[in-house]
Amino acid sequence: MTTKQLGLAGAFALLTLVAACGGGGGNGGGGGGAPFGAVFQNAFDQGPNDDPVDVTNAGLSVDPTAEPTVL
């Protein structure tokens, strides 16, 4: 590899790492439940040994024609 190719590969690796880290918060969560509302955000922010969050009354509506959410 040439120096230019190594530099581009390093820059790409660094950008990939920064993108993977995201905004983070809570117990290592990256905000995965934010698009679904506060109840789901609380569920995503739970620790592995915490009591489960009841999401049965979260008010989530389903639109089968909507584009998929990418988390």
PDB file of N, CA and C in Angstrom:
ATOM      1  N   MET A   1       0.843  -1.188   0.000  1.00  0.00           N
ATOM      2  CA  MET A   1       0.000   0.000   0.000  1.00  0.00           C
ATOM      3  C   MET A   1       0.880   1.240   0.000  1.00  0.00           C
ATOM      4  N   THR A   2       0.390   2.252  -0.641  1.00  0.00           N
ATOM      5  CA  THR A   2       1.123   3.503  -0.639  1.00  0.00           C
ATOM      6  C   THR A   2       0.757   4.305   0.606  1.00  0.00           C
ATOM      7  N   THR A   3       1.499   5.341   0.850  1.00  0.00           N
ATOM      8  CA  THR A   3       1.251   6.201   2.006  1.00  0.00           C
ATOM      9  C   THR A   3      -0.138   6.844   1.923  1.00  0.00           C
ATOM     10  N   LYS A   4      -0.534   7.227   0.711  1.00  0.00           N
ATOM     11  CA  LYS A   4      -1.850   7.845   0.523  1.00  0.00           C
ATOM     12  C   LYS A   4      -2.966   6.850   0.854  1.00  0.00           C
ATOM     13  N   GLN A   5      -2.807   5.606   0.412  1.00  0.00           N
ATOM     14  CA  GLN A   5      -3.814   4.592   0.697  1.00  0.00           C
ATOM     15  C   GLN A   5      -3.883   4.294   2.188  1.00  0.00           C
ATOM     16  N   LEU A   6      -2.732   4.243   2.852  1.00  0.00           N
ATOM     17  CA  LEU A   6      -2.715   4.005   4.300  1.00  0.00           C
ATOM     18  C   LEU A   6      -3.390   5.153   5.050  1.00  0.00           C
ATOM     19  N   GLY A   7      -3.154   6.372   4.583  1.00  0.00           N
ATOM     20  CA  GLY A   7      -3.786   7.532   5.210  1.00  0.00           C
ATOM     21  C   GLY A   7      -5.298   7.503   5.049  1.00  0.00           C
ATOM     22  N   LEU A   8      -5.759   7.151   3.849  1.00  0.00           N
ATOM     23  CA  LEU A   8      -7.203   7.064   3.617  1.00  0.00           C
ATOM     24  C   LEU A   8      -7.821   5.937   4.437  1.00  0.00           C
ATOM     25  N   ALA A   9      -7.138   4.806   4.531  1.00  0.00           N
ATOM     26  CA  ALA A   9      -7.649   3.684   5.324  1.00  0.00           C
ATOM     27  C   ALA A   9      -7.717   4.070   6.797  1.00  0.00           C
ATOM     28  N   GLY A  10      -6.707   4.778   7.289  1.00  0.00           N
ATOM     29  CA  GLY A  10      -6.714   5.228   8.686  1.00  0.00           C
ATOM     30  C   GLY A  10      -7.827   6.223   8.954  1.00  0.00           C
ATOM     31  N   ALA A  11      -8.042   7.148   8.030  1.00  0.00           N
ATOM     32  CA  ALA A  11      -9.113   8.137   8.197  1.00  0.00           C
ATOM     33  C   ALA A  11     -10.474   7.450   8.184  1.00  0.00           C
ATOM     34  N   PHE A  12     -10.643   6.479   7.295  1.00  0.00           N
ATOM     35  CA  PHE A  12     -11.902   5.741   7.241  1.00  0.00           C
ATOM     36  C   PHE A  12     -12.136   4.965   8.530  1.00  0.00           C
ATOM     37  N   ALA A  13     -11.086   4.338   9.052  1.00  0.00           N
ATOM     38  CA  ALA A  13     -11.204   3.582  10.304  1.00  0.00           C
ATOM     39  C   ALA A  13     -11.569   4.519  11.458  1.00  0.00           C
ATOM     40  N   LEU A  14     -10.956   5.687  11.505  1.00  0.00           N
ATOM     41  CA  LEU A  14     -11.251   6.653  12.564  1.00  0.00           C
ATOM     42  C   LEU A  14     -12.694   7.146  12.471  1.00  0.00           C
ATOM     43  N   LEU A  15     -13.153   7.455  11.270  1.00  0.00           N
ATOM     44  CA  LEU A  15     -14.537   7.902  11.096  1.00  0.00           C
ATOM     45  C   LEU A  15     -15.524   6.799  11.463  1.00  0.00           C
ATOM     46  N   THR A  16     -15.197   5.568  11.121  1.00  0.00           N
ATOM     47  CA  THR A  16     -16.059   4.446  11.476  1.00  0.00           C
ATOM     48  C   THR A  16     -16.146   4.298  12.988  1.00  0.00           C
ATOM     49  N   LEU A  17     -15.030   4.438  13.665  1.00  0.00           N
ATOM     50  CA  LEU A  17     -14.999   4.338  15.123  1.00  0.00           C
ATOM     51  C   LEU A  17     -15.823   5.448  15.763  1.00  0.00           C
ATOM     52  N   VAL A  18     -15.688   6.664  15.280  1.00  0.00           N
ATOM     53  CA  VAL A  18     -16.447   7.795  15.826  1.00  0.00           C
ATOM     54  C   VAL A  18     -17.942   7.591  15.582  1.00  0.00           C
ATOM     55  N   ALA A  19     -18.317   7.113  14.410  1.00  0.00           N
ATOM     56  CA  ALA A  19     -19.726   6.881  14.105  1.00  0.00           C
ATOM     57  C   ALA A  19     -20.298   5.767  14.975  1.00  0.00           C
ATOM     58  N   ALA A  20     -19.512   4.753  15.258  1.00  0.00           N
ATOM     59  CA  ALA A  20     -19.977   3.635  16.075  1.00  0.00           C
ATOM     60  C   ALA A  20     -20.174   4.047  17.525  1.00  0.00           C
ATOM     61  N   CYS A  21     -19.398   4.997  18.002  1.00  0.00           N
ATOM     62  CA  CYS A  21     -19.513   5.429  19.399  1.00  0.00           C
ATOM     63  C   CYS A  21     -20.797   6.200  19.634  1.00  0.00           C
ATOM     64  N   GLY A  22     -21.226   6.982  18.699  1.00  0.00           N
ATOM     65  CA  GLY A  22     -22.477   7.726  18.820  1.00  0.00           C
ATOM     66  C   GLY A  22     -22.469   8.703  19.970  1.00  0.00           C
ATOM     67  N   GLY A  23     -23.655   9.099  20.417  1.00  0.00           N
ATOM     68  CA  GLY A  23     -23.793  10.051  21.508  1.00  0.00           C
ATOM     69  C   GLY A  23     -23.747   9.388  22.854  1.00  0.00           C
ATOM     70  N   GLY A  24     -24.084   8.127  22.929  1.00  0.00           N
ATOM     71  CA  GLY A  24     -23.998   7.342  24.161  1.00  0.00           C
ATOM     72  C   GLY A  24     -24.592   8.017  25.381  1.00  0.00           C
ATOM     73  N   GLY A  25     -24.927   7.258  26.358  1.00  0.00           N
ATOM     74  CA  GLY A  25     -25.468   7.766  27.597  1.00  0.00           C
ATOM     75  C   GLY A  25     -26.109   6.631  28.347  1.00  0.00           C
ATOM     76  N   GLY A  26     -26.444   6.877  29.583  1.00  0.00           N
ATOM     77  CA  GLY A  26     -27.075   5.826  30.378  1.00  0.00           C
ATOM     78  C   GLY A  26     -26.093   4.700  30.665  1.00  0.00           C
ATOM     79  N   ASN A  27     -26.567   3.494  30.603  1.00  0.00           N
ATOM     80  CA  ASN A  27     -25.744   2.325  30.893  1.00  0.00           C
ATOM     81  C   ASN A  27     -25.120   1.769  29.622  1.00  0.00           C
ATOM     82  N   GLY A  28     -24.460   2.619  28.881  1.00  0.00           N
ATOM     83  CA  GLY A  28     -23.829   2.187  27.652  1.00  0.00           C
ATOM     84  C   GLY A  28     -24.763   2.217  26.462  1.00  0.00           C
ATOM     85  N   GLY A  29     -25.990   2.679  26.662  1.00  0.00           N
ATOM     86  CA  GLY A  29     -26.947   2.721  25.570  1.00  0.00           C
ATOM     87  C   GLY A  29     -26.676   3.887  24.651  1.00  0.00           C
ATOM     88  N   GLY A  30     -26.960   3.721  23.402  1.00  0.00           N
ATOM     89  CA  GLY A  30     -26.764   4.785  22.443  1.00  0.00           C
ATOM     90  C   GLY A  30     -28.044   5.498  22.103  1.00  0.00           C
ATOM     91  N   GLY A  31     -29.068   5.388  22.920  1.00  0.00           N
ATOM     92  CA  GLY A  31     -30.333   6.048  22.631  1.00  0.00           C
ATOM     93  C   GLY A  31     -31.169   5.274  21.648  1.00  0.00           C
ATOM     94  N   GLY A  32     -31.063   3.962  21.640  1.00  0.00           N
ATOM     95  CA  GLY A  32     -31.760   3.133  20.672  1.00  0.00           C
ATOM     96  C   GLY A  32     -33.261   3.225  20.731  1.00  0.00           C
ATOM     97  N   GLY A  33     -33.836   3.581  21.872  1.00  0.00           N
ATOM     98  CA  GLY A  33     -35.287   3.636  21.985  1.00  0.00           C
ATOM     99  C   GLY A  33     -35.868   5.008  21.786  1.00  0.00           C
ATOM    100  N   ALA A  34     -35.053   6.014  21.554  1.00  0.00           N
ATOM    101  CA  ALA A  34     -35.528   7.387  21.446  1.00  0.00           C
ATOM    102  C   ALA A  34     -36.605   7.591  20.390  1.00  0.00           C
ATOM    103  N   PRO A  35     -36.513   6.974  19.207  1.00  0.00           N
ATOM    104  CA  PRO A  35     -37.570   7.210  18.214  1.00  0.00           C
ATOM    105  C   PRO A  35     -38.933   6.670  18.643  1.00  0.00           C
ATOM    106  N   PHE A  36     -38.985   5.813  19.645  1.00  0.00           N
ATOM    107  CA  PHE A  36     -40.229   5.180  20.060  1.00  0.00           C
ATOM    108  C   PHE A  36     -40.859   5.825  21.288  1.00  0.00           C
ATOM    109  N   GLY A  37     -40.251   6.830  21.869  1.00  0.00           N
ATOM    110  CA  GLY A  37     -40.826   7.524  23.010  1.00  0.00           C
ATOM    111  C   GLY A  37     -40.074   7.269  24.305  1.00  0.00           C
ATOM    112  N   ALA A  38     -40.483   7.987  25.352  1.00  0.00           N
ATOM    113  CA  ALA A  38     -39.787   7.954  26.634  1.00  0.00           C
ATOM    114  C   ALA A  38     -39.839   6.590  27.309  1.00  0.00           C
ATOM    115  N   VAL A  39     -40.958   5.883  27.187  1.00  0.00           N
ATOM    116  CA  VAL A  39     -41.081   4.574  27.842  1.00  0.00           C
ATOM    117  C   VAL A  39     -40.064   3.601  27.256  1.00  0.00           C
ATOM    118  N   PHE A  40     -39.937   3.577  25.938  1.00  0.00           N
ATOM    119  CA  PHE A  40     -38.970   2.689  25.310  1.00  0.00           C
ATOM    120  C   PHE A  40     -37.544   3.144  25.581  1.00  0.00           C
ATOM    121  N   GLN A  41     -37.308   4.463  25.656  1.00  0.00           N
ATOM    122  CA  GLN A  41     -35.967   4.954  25.983  1.00  0.00           C
ATOM    123  C   GLN A  41     -35.566   4.469  27.369  1.00  0.00           C
ATOM    124  N   ASN A  42     -36.505   4.517  28.335  1.00  0.00           N
ATOM    125  CA  ASN A  42     -36.212   4.003  29.675  1.00  0.00           C
ATOM    126  C   ASN A  42     -35.893   2.511  29.631  1.00  0.00           C
ATOM    127  N   ALA A  43     -36.600   1.764  28.789  1.00  0.00           N
ATOM    128  CA  ALA A  43     -36.346   0.326  28.669  1.00  0.00           C
ATOM    129  C   ALA A  43     -34.955   0.068  28.087  1.00  0.00           C
ATOM    130  N   PHE A  44     -34.549   0.855  27.095  1.00  0.00           N
ATOM    131  CA  PHE A  44     -33.227   0.686  26.501  1.00  0.00           C
ATOM    132  C   PHE A  44     -32.117   1.104  27.469  1.00  0.00           C
ATOM    133  N   ASP A  45     -32.411   2.042  28.371  1.00  0.00           N
ATOM    134  CA  ASP A  45     -31.406   2.531  29.309  1.00  0.00           C
ATOM    135  C   ASP A  45     -31.261   1.652  30.553  1.00  0.00           C
ATOM    136  N   GLN A  46     -32.105   0.643  30.695  1.00  0.00           N
ATOM    137  CA  GLN A  46     -32.042  -0.228  31.872  1.00  0.00           C
ATOM    138  C   GLN A  46     -30.724  -0.996  31.907  1.00  0.00           C
ATOM    139  N   GLY A  47     -30.264  -1.259  33.121  1.00  0.00           N
ATOM    140  CA  GLY A  47     -29.113  -2.121  33.300  1.00  0.00           C
ATOM    141  C   GLY A  47     -29.525  -3.576  33.107  1.00  0.00           C
ATOM    142  N   PRO A  48     -28.565  -4.454  32.896  1.00  0.00           N
ATOM    143  CA  PRO A  48     -28.900  -5.856  32.632  1.00  0.00           C
ATOM    144  C   PRO A  48     -29.584  -6.565  33.793  1.00  0.00           C
ATOM    145  N   ASN A  49     -29.414  -6.074  35.011  1.00  0.00           N
ATOM    146  CA  ASN A  49     -30.011  -6.725  36.178  1.00  0.00           C
ATOM    147  C   ASN A  49     -31.148  -5.924  36.801  1.00  0.00           C
ATOM    148  N   ASP A  50     -31.587  -4.844  36.144  1.00  0.00           N
ATOM    149  CA  ASP A  50     -32.693  -4.031  36.651  1.00  0.00           C
ATOM    150  C   ASP A  50     -34.024  -4.730  36.389  1.00  0.00           C
ATOM    151  N   ASP A  51     -35.038  -4.321  37.143  1.00  0.00           N
ATOM    152  CA  ASP A  51     -36.384  -4.849  36.903  1.00  0.00           C
ATOM    153  C   ASP A  51     -36.863  -4.387  35.528  1.00  0.00           C
ATOM    154  N   PRO A  52     -37.608  -5.228  34.814  1.00  0.00           N
ATOM    155  CA  PRO A  52     -38.085  -4.847  33.479  1.00  0.00           C
ATOM    156  C   PRO A  52     -39.040  -3.658  33.523  1.00  0.00           C
ATOM    157  N   VAL A  53     -39.057  -2.884  32.458  1.00  0.00           N
ATOM    158  CA  VAL A  53     -39.964  -1.752  32.315  1.00  0.00           C
ATOM    159  C   VAL A  53     -41.213  -2.248  31.599  1.00  0.00           C
ATOM    160  N   ASP A  54     -42.384  -1.880  32.120  1.00  0.00           N
ATOM    161  CA  ASP A  54     -43.651  -2.277  31.498  1.00  0.00           C
ATOM    162  C   ASP A  54     -43.922  -1.354  30.311  1.00  0.00           C
ATOM    163  N   VAL A  55     -43.894  -1.891  29.097  1.00  0.00           N
ATOM    164  CA  VAL A  55     -44.111  -1.080  27.897  1.00  0.00           C
ATOM    165  C   VAL A  55     -45.466  -1.367  27.245  1.00  0.00           C
ATOM    166  N   THR A  56     -46.354  -2.068  27.970  1.00  0.00           N
ATOM    167  CA  THR A  56     -47.646  -2.413  27.372  1.00  0.00           C
ATOM    168  C   THR A  56     -48.507  -1.190  27.105  1.00  0.00           C
ATOM    169  N   ASN A  57     -48.371  -0.126  27.883  1.00  0.00           N
ATOM    170  CA  ASN A  57     -49.167   1.091  27.691  1.00  0.00           C
ATOM    171  C   ASN A  57     -48.304   2.238  27.187  1.00  0.00           C
ATOM    172  N   ALA A  58     -47.354   1.941  26.332  1.00  0.00           N
ATOM    173  CA  ALA A  58     -46.426   2.955  25.837  1.00  0.00           C
ATOM    174  C   ALA A  58     -47.045   3.862  24.777  1.00  0.00           C
ATOM    175  N   GLY A  59     -48.176   3.466  24.216  1.00  0.00           N
ATOM    176  CA  GLY A  59     -48.815   4.303  23.207  1.00  0.00           C
ATOM    177  C   GLY A  59     -48.118   4.239  21.860  1.00  0.00           C
ATOM    178  N   LEU A  60     -47.465   3.151  21.574  1.00  0.00           N
ATOM    179  CA  LEU A  60     -46.767   3.006  20.302  1.00  0.00           C
ATOM    180  C   LEU A  60     -47.771   2.623  19.221  1.00  0.00           C
ATOM    181  N   SER A  61     -47.809   3.410  18.155  1.00  0.00           N
ATOM    182  CA  SER A  61     -48.706   3.085  17.050  1.00  0.00           C
ATOM    183  C   SER A  61     -47.878   2.488  15.915  1.00  0.00           C
ATOM    184  N   VAL A  62     -48.467   1.572  15.190  1.00  0.00           N
ATOM    185  CA  VAL A  62     -47.768   0.891  14.110  1.00  0.00           C
ATOM    186  C   VAL A  62     -48.368   1.312  12.772  1.00  0.00           C
ATOM    187  N   ASP A  63     -47.515   1.742  11.872  1.00  0.00           N
ATOM    188  CA  ASP A  63     -47.929   2.103  10.524  1.00  0.00           C
ATOM    189  C   ASP A  63     -47.231   1.137   9.561  1.00  0.00           C
ATOM    190  N   PRO A  64     -47.958   0.151   9.050  1.00  0.00           N
ATOM    191  CA  PRO A  64     -47.313  -0.848   8.198  1.00  0.00           C
ATOM    192  C   PRO A  64     -46.755  -0.290   6.891  1.00  0.00           C
ATOM    193  N   THR A  65     -47.128   0.924   6.512  1.00  0.00           N
ATOM    194  CA  THR A  65     -46.621   1.505   5.271  1.00  0.00           C
ATOM    195  C   THR A  65     -45.401   2.397   5.510  1.00  0.00           C
ATOM    196  N   ALA A  66     -44.999   2.594   6.762  1.00  0.00           N
ATOM    197  CA  ALA A  66     -43.883   3.472   7.081  1.00  0.00           C
ATOM    198  C   ALA A  66     -42.561   2.804   6.723  1.00  0.00           C
ATOM    199  N   GLU A  67     -41.554   3.626   6.465  1.00  0.00           N
ATOM    200  CA  GLU A  67     -40.215   3.124   6.200  1.00  0.00           C
ATOM    201  C   GLU A  67     -39.642   2.567   7.501  1.00  0.00           C
ATOM    202  N   PRO A  68     -38.821   1.533   7.429  1.00  0.00           N
ATOM    203  CA  PRO A  68     -38.217   0.959   8.645  1.00  0.00           C
ATOM    204  C   PRO A  68     -37.317   1.979   9.349  1.00  0.00           C
ATOM    205  N   THR A  69     -37.276   1.917  10.672  1.00  0.00           N
ATOM    206  CA  THR A  69     -36.410   2.787  11.463  1.00  0.00           C
ATOM    207  C   THR A  69     -35.045   2.152  11.579  1.00  0.00           C
ATOM    208  N   VAL A  70     -34.018   2.918  11.258  1.00  0.00           N
ATOM    209  CA  VAL A  70     -32.648   2.425  11.373  1.00  0.00           C
ATOM    210  C   VAL A  70     -32.072   2.978  12.651  1.00  0.00           C
ATOM    211  N   LEU A  71     -31.696   2.087  13.544  1.00  0.00           N
ATOM    212  CA  LEU A  71     -31.138   2.517  14.827  1.00  0.00           C
ATOM    213  C   LEU A  71     -29.650   2.515  14.801  1.00  0.00           C
TER     214      LEU A  71
END
